[in-house]
């Protein structure tokens, strides 16, 4: 990834919070600022989207107030449409629409998340099958 040098003036309070958070999550200040700023710039126009760290240590966008990832919503929307996806996921249509709107702006990233999840699923399935074969 290409990076660009920028200079910003931050309040002492913000600097103190940044330093404390960087220590707490064992992350450099630069990488923490990059991550937080990138997520803020994505969620500002998409207020119903937030980010969380998944079990595999990856941060992914999800619908606020739920544990449903954008990458989980989009295949259902594509297959069944927005209203049916809302019913299937037991979500208000506005949340499903929020996932679609986010996807429209960050399609490549969400598609990469979908591909990663499919790859992990295949690896875990193969591992489970090997375990089952070990019992035989």
N, C-alpha and C. Protein backbone atom coordinates (compact mmCIF):
# COMPACT_ATOMS: atom_id res chain seq x y z
N UNK A 1 0.85 -1.17 0.00
CA UNK A 1 0.00 0.00 0.00
C UNK A 1 0.90 1.24 0.00
N UNK A 2 0.61 2.15 -0.87
CA UNK A 2 1.34 3.40 -0.97
C UNK A 2 0.90 4.32 0.17
N UNK A 3 1.85 4.93 0.85
CA UNK A 3 1.52 5.86 1.93
C UNK A 3 1.99 7.26 1.55
N UNK A 4 1.39 8.24 2.19
CA UNK A 4 1.71 9.65 1.95
C UNK A 4 1.97 10.30 3.30
N UNK A 5 3.01 11.08 3.38
CA UNK A 5 3.34 11.81 4.61
C UNK A 5 2.43 13.02 4.74
N UNK A 6 1.79 13.18 5.90
CA UNK A 6 0.96 14.34 6.20
C UNK A 6 1.32 14.83 7.60
N UNK A 7 1.04 16.07 7.87
CA UNK A 7 1.27 16.63 9.19
C UNK A 7 -0.04 17.21 9.71
N UNK A 8 -0.41 16.84 10.93
CA UNK A 8 -1.63 17.35 11.54
C UNK A 8 -1.32 17.86 12.93
N UNK A 9 -2.04 18.87 13.33
CA UNK A 9 -1.93 19.36 14.70
C UNK A 9 -3.10 18.78 15.48
N UNK A 10 -2.77 18.16 16.62
CA UNK A 10 -3.78 17.55 17.47
C UNK A 10 -3.71 18.16 18.85
N UNK A 11 -4.83 18.21 19.52
CA UNK A 11 -4.83 18.73 20.90
C UNK A 11 -4.05 17.78 21.79
N UNK A 12 -3.60 18.29 22.91
CA UNK A 12 -2.87 17.45 23.87
C UNK A 12 -3.76 16.32 24.35
N UNK A 13 -5.03 16.60 24.56
CA UNK A 13 -5.97 15.57 25.01
C UNK A 13 -6.06 14.44 23.99
N UNK A 14 -6.20 14.82 22.72
CA UNK A 14 -6.27 13.81 21.66
C UNK A 14 -4.98 13.00 21.60
N UNK A 15 -3.85 13.66 21.72
CA UNK A 15 -2.55 12.96 21.71
C UNK A 15 -2.45 12.00 22.88
N UNK A 16 -2.89 12.42 24.05
CA UNK A 16 -2.84 11.56 25.23
C UNK A 16 -3.75 10.34 25.03
N UNK A 17 -4.95 10.57 24.49
CA UNK A 17 -5.86 9.45 24.23
C UNK A 17 -5.27 8.49 23.19
N UNK A 18 -4.67 9.05 22.16
CA UNK A 18 -4.04 8.23 21.12
C UNK A 18 -2.92 7.37 21.70
N UNK A 19 -2.05 7.99 22.49
CA UNK A 19 -0.94 7.24 23.09
C UNK A 19 -1.45 6.13 24.01
N UNK A 20 -2.44 6.46 24.82
CA UNK A 20 -2.98 5.46 25.75
C UNK A 20 -3.63 4.30 24.99
N UNK A 21 -4.37 4.63 23.94
CA UNK A 21 -5.04 3.57 23.17
C UNK A 21 -4.02 2.72 22.42
N UNK A 22 -3.01 3.34 21.86
CA UNK A 22 -1.97 2.60 21.14
C UNK A 22 -1.28 1.61 22.08
N UNK A 23 -1.00 2.05 23.30
CA UNK A 23 -0.40 1.14 24.29
C UNK A 23 -1.35 0.01 24.64
N UNK A 24 -2.62 0.35 24.82
CA UNK A 24 -3.62 -0.64 25.25
C UNK A 24 -3.82 -1.74 24.21
N UNK A 25 -3.75 -1.39 22.94
CA UNK A 25 -3.97 -2.38 21.88
C UNK A 25 -2.66 -2.86 21.26
N UNK A 26 -1.54 -2.41 21.83
CA UNK A 26 -0.22 -2.83 21.35
C UNK A 26 -0.07 -2.57 19.85
N UNK A 27 -0.37 -1.36 19.47
CA UNK A 27 -0.32 -0.93 18.07
C UNK A 27 0.46 0.37 18.00
N UNK A 28 1.19 0.59 16.94
CA UNK A 28 1.90 1.86 16.81
C UNK A 28 0.89 2.99 16.65
N UNK A 29 1.31 4.19 17.04
CA UNK A 29 0.43 5.35 16.86
C UNK A 29 0.07 5.54 15.40
N UNK A 30 1.04 5.38 14.50
CA UNK A 30 0.77 5.57 13.08
C UNK A 30 -0.28 4.60 12.56
N UNK A 31 -0.12 3.32 12.90
CA UNK A 31 -1.08 2.34 12.38
C UNK A 31 -2.45 2.53 13.03
N UNK A 32 -2.48 2.92 14.31
CA UNK A 32 -3.75 3.18 14.97
C UNK A 32 -4.46 4.37 14.34
N UNK A 33 -3.73 5.45 14.10
CA UNK A 33 -4.33 6.63 13.46
C UNK A 33 -4.83 6.26 12.07
N UNK A 34 -4.04 5.52 11.31
CA UNK A 34 -4.46 5.09 9.96
C UNK A 34 -5.77 4.31 10.04
N UNK A 35 -5.84 3.34 10.94
CA UNK A 35 -7.04 2.51 11.06
C UNK A 35 -8.24 3.33 11.49
N UNK A 36 -8.07 4.13 12.55
CA UNK A 36 -9.20 4.91 13.06
C UNK A 36 -9.69 5.94 12.04
N UNK A 37 -8.76 6.59 11.37
CA UNK A 37 -9.15 7.59 10.38
C UNK A 37 -9.85 6.92 9.19
N UNK A 38 -9.31 5.82 8.73
CA UNK A 38 -9.92 5.10 7.60
C UNK A 38 -11.34 4.66 7.96
N UNK A 39 -11.51 4.12 9.15
CA UNK A 39 -12.85 3.69 9.57
C UNK A 39 -13.79 4.87 9.74
N UNK A 40 -13.30 5.96 10.30
CA UNK A 40 -14.14 7.15 10.48
C UNK A 40 -14.59 7.71 9.14
N UNK A 41 -13.69 7.71 8.16
CA UNK A 41 -14.04 8.22 6.84
C UNK A 41 -15.03 7.32 6.12
N UNK A 42 -15.08 6.05 6.52
CA UNK A 42 -16.07 5.13 5.95
C UNK A 42 -17.41 5.23 6.68
N UNK A 43 -17.36 5.40 7.99
CA UNK A 43 -18.61 5.42 8.75
C UNK A 43 -19.30 6.79 8.77
N UNK A 44 -18.56 7.84 8.51
CA UNK A 44 -19.18 9.18 8.48
C UNK A 44 -20.35 9.22 7.49
N UNK A 45 -20.16 8.78 6.24
CA UNK A 45 -21.30 8.78 5.32
C UNK A 45 -22.20 7.54 5.48
N UNK A 46 -21.79 6.60 6.33
CA UNK A 46 -22.55 5.37 6.55
C UNK A 46 -22.73 5.16 8.06
N UNK A 47 -23.61 5.95 8.69
CA UNK A 47 -23.71 5.93 10.15
C UNK A 47 -24.28 4.63 10.74
N UNK A 48 -24.84 3.78 9.92
CA UNK A 48 -25.37 2.51 10.43
C UNK A 48 -24.35 1.37 10.30
N UNK A 49 -23.12 1.73 9.93
CA UNK A 49 -22.02 0.77 9.82
C UNK A 49 -21.01 1.07 10.90
N UNK A 50 -20.47 0.03 11.49
CA UNK A 50 -19.37 0.17 12.45
C UNK A 50 -18.34 -0.91 12.12
N UNK A 51 -17.27 -0.94 12.87
CA UNK A 51 -16.22 -1.94 12.64
C UNK A 51 -15.93 -2.67 13.94
N UNK A 52 -15.57 -3.93 13.83
CA UNK A 52 -15.14 -4.68 15.00
C UNK A 52 -14.07 -5.68 14.59
N UNK A 53 -13.30 -6.10 15.56
CA UNK A 53 -12.27 -7.10 15.34
C UNK A 53 -12.94 -8.47 15.39
N UNK A 54 -12.74 -9.26 14.36
CA UNK A 54 -13.29 -10.60 14.33
C UNK A 54 -12.37 -11.60 15.01
N UNK A 55 -12.83 -12.83 15.08
CA UNK A 55 -12.08 -13.90 15.74
C UNK A 55 -10.73 -14.14 15.06
N UNK A 56 -10.66 -13.89 13.78
CA UNK A 56 -9.41 -14.12 13.04
C UNK A 56 -8.48 -12.91 13.09
N UNK A 57 -8.84 -11.89 13.89
CA UNK A 57 -7.98 -10.72 14.02
C UNK A 57 -8.13 -9.72 12.90
N UNK A 58 -9.20 -9.82 12.13
CA UNK A 58 -9.46 -8.89 11.03
C UNK A 58 -10.60 -7.97 11.44
N UNK A 59 -10.48 -6.69 11.09
CA UNK A 59 -11.56 -5.74 11.32
C UNK A 59 -12.44 -5.70 10.07
N UNK A 60 -13.73 -5.84 10.30
CA UNK A 60 -14.67 -5.83 9.17
C UNK A 60 -15.87 -4.95 9.51
N UNK A 61 -16.51 -4.42 8.47
CA UNK A 61 -17.70 -3.60 8.68
C UNK A 61 -18.92 -4.47 9.01
N UNK A 62 -19.71 -3.98 9.96
CA UNK A 62 -20.94 -4.67 10.31
C UNK A 62 -22.03 -3.65 10.56
N UNK A 63 -23.26 -4.15 10.61
CA UNK A 63 -24.40 -3.30 10.86
C UNK A 63 -24.45 -2.95 12.34
N UNK A 64 -24.60 -1.68 12.62
CA UNK A 64 -24.58 -1.20 13.99
C UNK A 64 -25.73 -1.85 14.78
N UNK A 65 -25.42 -2.21 16.01
CA UNK A 65 -26.43 -2.82 16.87
C UNK A 65 -26.66 -4.29 16.59
N UNK A 66 -25.88 -4.87 15.69
CA UNK A 66 -26.01 -6.28 15.36
C UNK A 66 -24.62 -6.91 15.36
N UNK A 67 -24.57 -8.17 15.10
CA UNK A 67 -23.29 -8.85 14.88
C UNK A 67 -23.21 -9.33 13.44
N UNK A 68 -23.97 -8.69 12.58
CA UNK A 68 -24.06 -9.12 11.18
C UNK A 68 -23.12 -8.28 10.33
N UNK A 69 -22.20 -8.97 9.68
CA UNK A 69 -21.20 -8.32 8.83
C UNK A 69 -21.80 -7.98 7.47
N UNK A 70 -21.29 -6.91 6.88
CA UNK A 70 -21.75 -6.51 5.54
C UNK A 70 -21.53 -7.68 4.56
N UNK A 71 -20.41 -8.38 4.70
CA UNK A 71 -20.12 -9.49 3.80
C UNK A 71 -21.13 -10.64 3.93
N UNK A 72 -21.82 -10.72 5.06
CA UNK A 72 -22.84 -11.74 5.24
C UNK A 72 -24.18 -11.32 4.62
N UNK A 73 -24.40 -10.04 4.53
CA UNK A 73 -25.66 -9.52 4.01
C UNK A 73 -25.70 -9.58 2.48
N UNK A 74 -24.61 -9.21 1.84
CA UNK A 74 -24.63 -9.01 0.39
C UNK A 74 -24.98 -10.26 -0.43
N UNK A 75 -24.48 -11.44 -0.11
CA UNK A 75 -24.90 -12.61 -0.91
C UNK A 75 -26.40 -12.88 -0.81
N UNK A 76 -26.99 -12.61 0.34
CA UNK A 76 -28.43 -12.81 0.51
C UNK A 76 -29.20 -11.78 -0.29
N UNK A 77 -28.74 -10.53 -0.26
CA UNK A 77 -29.39 -9.47 -1.04
C UNK A 77 -29.32 -9.81 -2.53
N UNK A 78 -28.15 -10.24 -2.97
CA UNK A 78 -27.99 -10.58 -4.39
C UNK A 78 -28.90 -11.73 -4.80
N UNK A 79 -29.04 -12.71 -3.93
CA UNK A 79 -29.84 -13.89 -4.26
C UNK A 79 -31.34 -13.64 -4.16
N UNK A 80 -31.75 -12.86 -3.13
CA UNK A 80 -33.17 -12.76 -2.82
C UNK A 80 -33.76 -11.37 -2.86
N UNK A 81 -32.94 -10.33 -2.98
CA UNK A 81 -33.44 -8.98 -2.96
C UNK A 81 -33.47 -8.42 -1.55
N UNK A 82 -33.65 -7.11 -1.47
CA UNK A 82 -33.56 -6.40 -0.20
C UNK A 82 -34.62 -6.83 0.80
N UNK A 83 -35.87 -6.85 0.40
CA UNK A 83 -36.95 -7.16 1.34
C UNK A 83 -36.85 -8.58 1.87
N UNK A 84 -36.57 -9.51 1.00
CA UNK A 84 -36.43 -10.91 1.43
C UNK A 84 -35.20 -11.08 2.33
N UNK A 85 -34.12 -10.38 2.02
CA UNK A 85 -32.93 -10.43 2.87
C UNK A 85 -33.25 -9.90 4.26
N UNK A 86 -34.02 -8.82 4.33
CA UNK A 86 -34.41 -8.27 5.62
C UNK A 86 -35.21 -9.29 6.42
N UNK A 87 -36.11 -10.00 5.77
CA UNK A 87 -36.89 -11.05 6.44
C UNK A 87 -35.99 -12.19 6.89
N UNK A 88 -35.14 -12.65 5.99
CA UNK A 88 -34.25 -13.77 6.29
C UNK A 88 -33.35 -13.46 7.48
N UNK A 89 -32.81 -12.24 7.50
CA UNK A 89 -31.89 -11.84 8.56
C UNK A 89 -32.60 -11.28 9.79
N UNK A 90 -33.93 -11.15 9.70
CA UNK A 90 -34.73 -10.58 10.78
C UNK A 90 -34.22 -9.19 11.16
N UNK A 91 -34.06 -8.36 10.13
CA UNK A 91 -33.55 -7.00 10.29
C UNK A 91 -34.52 -6.01 9.66
N UNK A 92 -34.53 -4.79 10.15
CA UNK A 92 -35.28 -3.76 9.44
C UNK A 92 -34.66 -3.53 8.06
N UNK A 93 -35.50 -3.25 7.09
CA UNK A 93 -35.02 -3.02 5.72
C UNK A 93 -33.98 -1.90 5.68
N UNK A 94 -34.09 -0.91 6.56
CA UNK A 94 -33.13 0.20 6.54
C UNK A 94 -31.72 -0.28 6.86
N UNK A 95 -31.57 -1.30 7.70
CA UNK A 95 -30.24 -1.83 7.98
C UNK A 95 -29.68 -2.59 6.80
N UNK A 96 -30.53 -3.35 6.13
CA UNK A 96 -30.07 -4.06 4.93
C UNK A 96 -29.70 -3.04 3.86
N UNK A 97 -30.49 -1.98 3.73
CA UNK A 97 -30.17 -0.93 2.77
C UNK A 97 -28.85 -0.25 3.14
N UNK A 98 -28.57 -0.11 4.42
CA UNK A 98 -27.29 0.47 4.85
C UNK A 98 -26.13 -0.40 4.41
N UNK A 99 -26.29 -1.72 4.49
CA UNK A 99 -25.24 -2.63 4.03
C UNK A 99 -25.04 -2.50 2.52
N UNK A 100 -26.13 -2.38 1.79
CA UNK A 100 -26.05 -2.22 0.33
C UNK A 100 -25.36 -0.91 -0.02
N UNK A 101 -25.71 0.15 0.68
CA UNK A 101 -25.09 1.46 0.41
C UNK A 101 -23.59 1.42 0.70
N UNK A 102 -23.21 0.78 1.80
CA UNK A 102 -21.79 0.65 2.11
C UNK A 102 -21.09 -0.17 1.03
N UNK A 103 -21.72 -1.27 0.64
CA UNK A 103 -21.15 -2.12 -0.41
C UNK A 103 -20.96 -1.33 -1.70
N UNK A 104 -21.90 -0.51 -2.04
CA UNK A 104 -21.81 0.28 -3.27
C UNK A 104 -20.58 1.18 -3.27
N UNK A 105 -20.22 1.68 -2.10
CA UNK A 105 -19.04 2.56 -2.00
C UNK A 105 -17.72 1.81 -1.83
N UNK A 106 -17.78 0.60 -1.29
CA UNK A 106 -16.55 -0.15 -0.98
C UNK A 106 -16.65 -1.59 -1.47
N UNK A 107 -17.13 -1.74 -2.68
CA UNK A 107 -17.39 -3.06 -3.25
C UNK A 107 -16.14 -3.95 -3.26
N UNK A 108 -15.02 -3.43 -3.69
CA UNK A 108 -13.81 -4.26 -3.76
C UNK A 108 -13.41 -4.79 -2.39
N UNK A 109 -13.50 -3.96 -1.37
CA UNK A 109 -13.14 -4.40 -0.02
C UNK A 109 -14.10 -5.47 0.50
N UNK A 110 -15.40 -5.27 0.30
CA UNK A 110 -16.38 -6.24 0.78
C UNK A 110 -16.25 -7.54 -0.02
N UNK A 111 -16.05 -7.44 -1.32
CA UNK A 111 -15.85 -8.66 -2.12
C UNK A 111 -14.62 -9.42 -1.65
N UNK A 112 -13.56 -8.71 -1.28
CA UNK A 112 -12.36 -9.37 -0.74
C UNK A 112 -12.70 -10.05 0.59
N UNK A 113 -13.52 -9.42 1.43
CA UNK A 113 -13.95 -10.05 2.68
C UNK A 113 -14.76 -11.31 2.41
N UNK A 114 -15.64 -11.25 1.42
CA UNK A 114 -16.46 -12.41 1.06
C UNK A 114 -15.56 -13.55 0.58
N UNK A 115 -14.59 -13.23 -0.27
CA UNK A 115 -13.66 -14.25 -0.78
C UNK A 115 -12.83 -14.84 0.35
N UNK A 116 -12.34 -14.00 1.27
CA UNK A 116 -11.56 -14.48 2.40
C UNK A 116 -12.39 -15.43 3.26
N UNK A 117 -13.64 -15.05 3.54
CA UNK A 117 -14.50 -15.89 4.36
C UNK A 117 -14.77 -17.24 3.69
N UNK A 118 -14.97 -17.24 2.38
CA UNK A 118 -15.18 -18.50 1.66
C UNK A 118 -13.94 -19.39 1.74
N UNK A 119 -12.77 -18.77 1.62
CA UNK A 119 -11.52 -19.52 1.71
C UNK A 119 -11.35 -20.12 3.11
N UNK A 120 -11.63 -19.32 4.14
CA UNK A 120 -11.51 -19.82 5.52
C UNK A 120 -12.51 -20.94 5.78
N UNK A 121 -13.72 -20.80 5.23
CA UNK A 121 -14.73 -21.84 5.39
C UNK A 121 -14.26 -23.14 4.75
N UNK A 122 -13.69 -23.06 3.56
CA UNK A 122 -13.18 -24.25 2.88
C UNK A 122 -12.04 -24.90 3.66
N UNK A 123 -11.14 -24.09 4.19
CA UNK A 123 -10.02 -24.62 4.99
C UNK A 123 -10.53 -25.30 6.26
N UNK A 124 -11.48 -24.68 6.93
CA UNK A 124 -12.03 -25.26 8.15
C UNK A 124 -12.83 -26.53 7.86
N UNK A 125 -13.53 -26.54 6.73
CA UNK A 125 -14.29 -27.74 6.33
C UNK A 125 -13.32 -28.90 6.08
N UNK A 126 -12.23 -28.62 5.36
CA UNK A 126 -11.24 -29.66 5.07
C UNK A 126 -10.62 -30.16 6.38
N UNK A 127 -10.35 -29.26 7.29
CA UNK A 127 -9.80 -29.65 8.59
C UNK A 127 -10.76 -30.53 9.35
N UNK A 128 -12.03 -30.17 9.37
CA UNK A 128 -13.06 -30.98 10.03
C UNK A 128 -13.15 -32.35 9.40
N UNK A 129 -13.11 -32.40 8.07
CA UNK A 129 -13.18 -33.70 7.38
C UNK A 129 -11.98 -34.58 7.74
N UNK A 130 -10.79 -33.98 7.87
CA UNK A 130 -9.61 -34.75 8.29
C UNK A 130 -9.80 -35.28 9.70
N UNK A 131 -10.38 -34.46 10.56
CA UNK A 131 -10.63 -34.91 11.94
C UNK A 131 -11.63 -36.07 11.96
N UNK A 132 -12.67 -35.96 11.15
CA UNK A 132 -13.66 -37.02 11.10
C UNK A 132 -13.03 -38.32 10.58
N UNK A 133 -12.15 -38.21 9.60
CA UNK A 133 -11.48 -39.38 9.05
C UNK A 133 -10.57 -40.03 10.09
N UNK A 134 -10.02 -39.24 10.99
CA UNK A 134 -9.15 -39.77 12.04
C UNK A 134 -9.93 -40.64 13.01
N UNK A 135 -11.24 -40.39 13.15
CA UNK A 135 -12.05 -41.22 14.03
C UNK A 135 -12.35 -42.59 13.43
N UNK A 136 -12.31 -42.69 12.12
CA UNK A 136 -12.71 -43.93 11.44
C UNK A 136 -11.68 -45.03 11.56
